[in-house]
C-alpha cells in the first residue's frame, strides 16, 4: 500500500521561505515521476512542480524562479524549497506521483501573511 506523508508547512511572512518534504513508502519510488500540488478552498488542485525519476524538474509559471523541487531516491523523499513566498502561495500542499494517482496524503498547510 502506498503512503505519502507531507511535512514542513507553516506560517511565514511574505518574502520568507519554507522547505516541504514528502516521504513515500510502499512503492518503487526511484522509477516514478513525482509532483507537488496545492489546493485552496473552492479551487481545483493545482500542479506546482514535477520531477522525473532522473531528477529533471519542471515548474508552473506561478512558481518558476522561486521554488525548487528535488528528490532523494535513496531516502524515498521529494522536497520543495519555496523562496520569496507570496500570500497567493497560501494553500495545502500535497505530493503525489505525476500524473497523480488516488494516493493523496493529508497534505501540509502553508500560510503566507502579507
Protein backbone atom coordinates (compact mmCIF):
# COMPACT_ATOMS: atom_id res chain seq x y z
CA UNK A 1 0.00 0.00 0.00
CA UNK A 2 1.33 3.40 -0.99
CA UNK A 3 1.75 6.09 1.65
CA UNK A 4 2.72 9.69 1.02
CA UNK A 5 3.38 11.87 4.05
CA UNK A 6 3.98 15.59 3.67
CA UNK A 7 5.62 17.84 6.25
CA UNK A 8 7.28 21.20 6.64
CA UNK A 9 4.42 23.63 6.22
CA UNK A 10 3.75 26.57 8.49
CA UNK A 11 3.08 30.26 8.79
CA UNK A 12 5.58 32.63 7.20
CA UNK A 13 5.66 36.28 6.21
CA UNK A 14 5.70 37.30 2.58
CA UNK A 15 9.22 37.05 1.22
CA UNK A 16 10.09 34.21 3.54
CA UNK A 17 10.99 30.59 2.84
CA UNK A 18 9.79 27.12 3.70
CA UNK A 19 11.01 23.66 2.79
CA UNK A 20 8.45 20.92 2.32
CA UNK A 21 9.26 17.24 2.43
CA UNK A 22 7.37 14.18 1.31
CA UNK A 23 8.19 10.66 2.42
CA UNK A 24 6.96 7.84 0.21
CA UNK A 25 6.57 4.20 1.12
CA UNK A 26 5.03 1.14 -0.42
CA UNK A 27 6.24 1.85 -3.93
CA UNK A 28 9.33 1.65 -6.09
CA UNK A 29 9.90 5.33 -5.61
CA UNK A 30 13.02 5.72 -7.71
CA UNK A 31 11.30 4.92 -11.00
CA UNK A 32 8.35 7.23 -10.52
CA UNK A 33 7.95 10.83 -11.57
CA UNK A 34 6.69 12.87 -8.64
CA UNK A 35 4.90 16.16 -8.25
CA UNK A 36 3.90 18.77 -5.72
CA UNK A 37 0.35 20.03 -5.91
CA UNK A 38 -1.54 22.65 -3.94
CA UNK A 39 -5.16 23.43 -3.22
CA UNK A 40 -7.08 26.31 -1.72
CA UNK A 41 -10.72 26.12 -0.63
CA UNK A 42 -13.14 26.27 -3.53
CA UNK A 43 -10.46 25.76 -6.14
CA UNK A 44 -9.18 22.79 -8.06
CA UNK A 45 -5.92 21.21 -7.09
CA UNK A 46 -3.05 22.90 -8.93
CA UNK A 47 0.15 21.29 -10.15
CA UNK A 48 3.12 23.27 -8.81
CA UNK A 49 6.22 21.32 -9.78
CA UNK A 50 7.26 17.94 -11.10
CA UNK A 51 10.45 15.94 -11.13
CA UNK A 52 11.29 12.94 -13.28
CA UNK A 53 12.83 9.76 -11.94
CA UNK A 54 16.22 11.03 -13.12
CA UNK A 55 15.78 14.42 -11.48
CA UNK A 56 14.65 16.74 -14.26
CA UNK A 57 12.40 19.44 -12.78
CA UNK A 58 9.54 21.40 -14.25
CA UNK A 59 7.56 24.25 -12.72
CA UNK A 60 4.31 26.08 -13.16
CA UNK A 61 4.70 29.66 -14.30
CA UNK A 62 3.39 30.88 -10.95
CA UNK A 63 6.35 29.46 -9.01
CA UNK A 64 9.13 29.36 -11.57
CA UNK A 65 12.26 31.02 -10.25
CA UNK A 66 11.07 30.84 -6.63
CA UNK A 67 10.52 27.15 -5.93
CA UNK A 68 12.94 24.25 -6.34
CA UNK A 69 11.90 20.61 -6.40
CA UNK A 70 14.39 17.87 -5.59
CA UNK A 71 14.39 14.21 -4.71
CA UNK A 72 16.49 11.69 -2.82
CA UNK A 73 15.81 8.24 -4.24
CA UNK A 74 17.88 6.62 -1.50
CA UNK A 75 15.58 8.07 1.15
CA UNK A 76 12.37 7.91 -0.89
CA UNK A 77 11.76 11.62 -0.39
CA UNK A 78 10.84 14.54 -2.60
CA UNK A 79 11.30 18.10 -1.39
CA UNK A 80 10.07 21.53 -2.33
CA UNK A 81 12.17 24.53 -1.39
CA UNK A 82 9.96 27.61 -1.51
CA UNK A 83 11.58 31.04 -1.50
CA UNK A 84 10.19 34.55 -1.93
CA UNK A 85 6.82 33.34 -0.78
CA UNK A 86 3.73 35.36 -1.63
CA UNK A 87 0.31 35.45 0.01
CA UNK A 88 -1.11 33.75 -3.09
CA UNK A 89 1.07 30.72 -2.31
CA UNK A 90 -1.14 30.03 0.71
CA UNK A 91 -2.62 26.56 0.25
CA UNK A 92 -2.48 22.97 1.39
CA UNK A 93 0.43 21.33 -0.39
CA UNK A 94 0.42 17.67 -1.41
CA UNK A 95 2.91 15.39 -3.05
CA UNK A 96 1.83 12.64 -5.40
CA UNK A 97 3.00 10.83 -8.44
CA UNK A 98 2.98 12.60 -11.77
CA UNK A 99 0.49 12.11 -13.27
CA UNK A 100 -1.28 11.87 -9.93
CA UNK A 101 -2.93 8.73 -8.67
CA UNK A 102 -5.51 8.22 -5.96
CA UNK A 103 -2.94 8.23 -3.15
CA UNK A 104 -3.45 11.66 -1.61
CA UNK A 105 -1.97 12.16 1.83
CA UNK A 106 -3.03 14.67 4.46
CA UNK A 107 -1.05 17.50 2.92
CA UNK A 108 0.74 20.27 4.76
CA UNK A 109 -0.65 23.76 5.25
CA UNK A 110 1.37 26.72 4.03
CA UNK A 111 0.15 30.15 5.07
CA UNK A 112 1.89 33.29 3.84
CA UNK A 113 0.94 36.52 5.55
CA UNK A 114 1.23 39.89 3.88
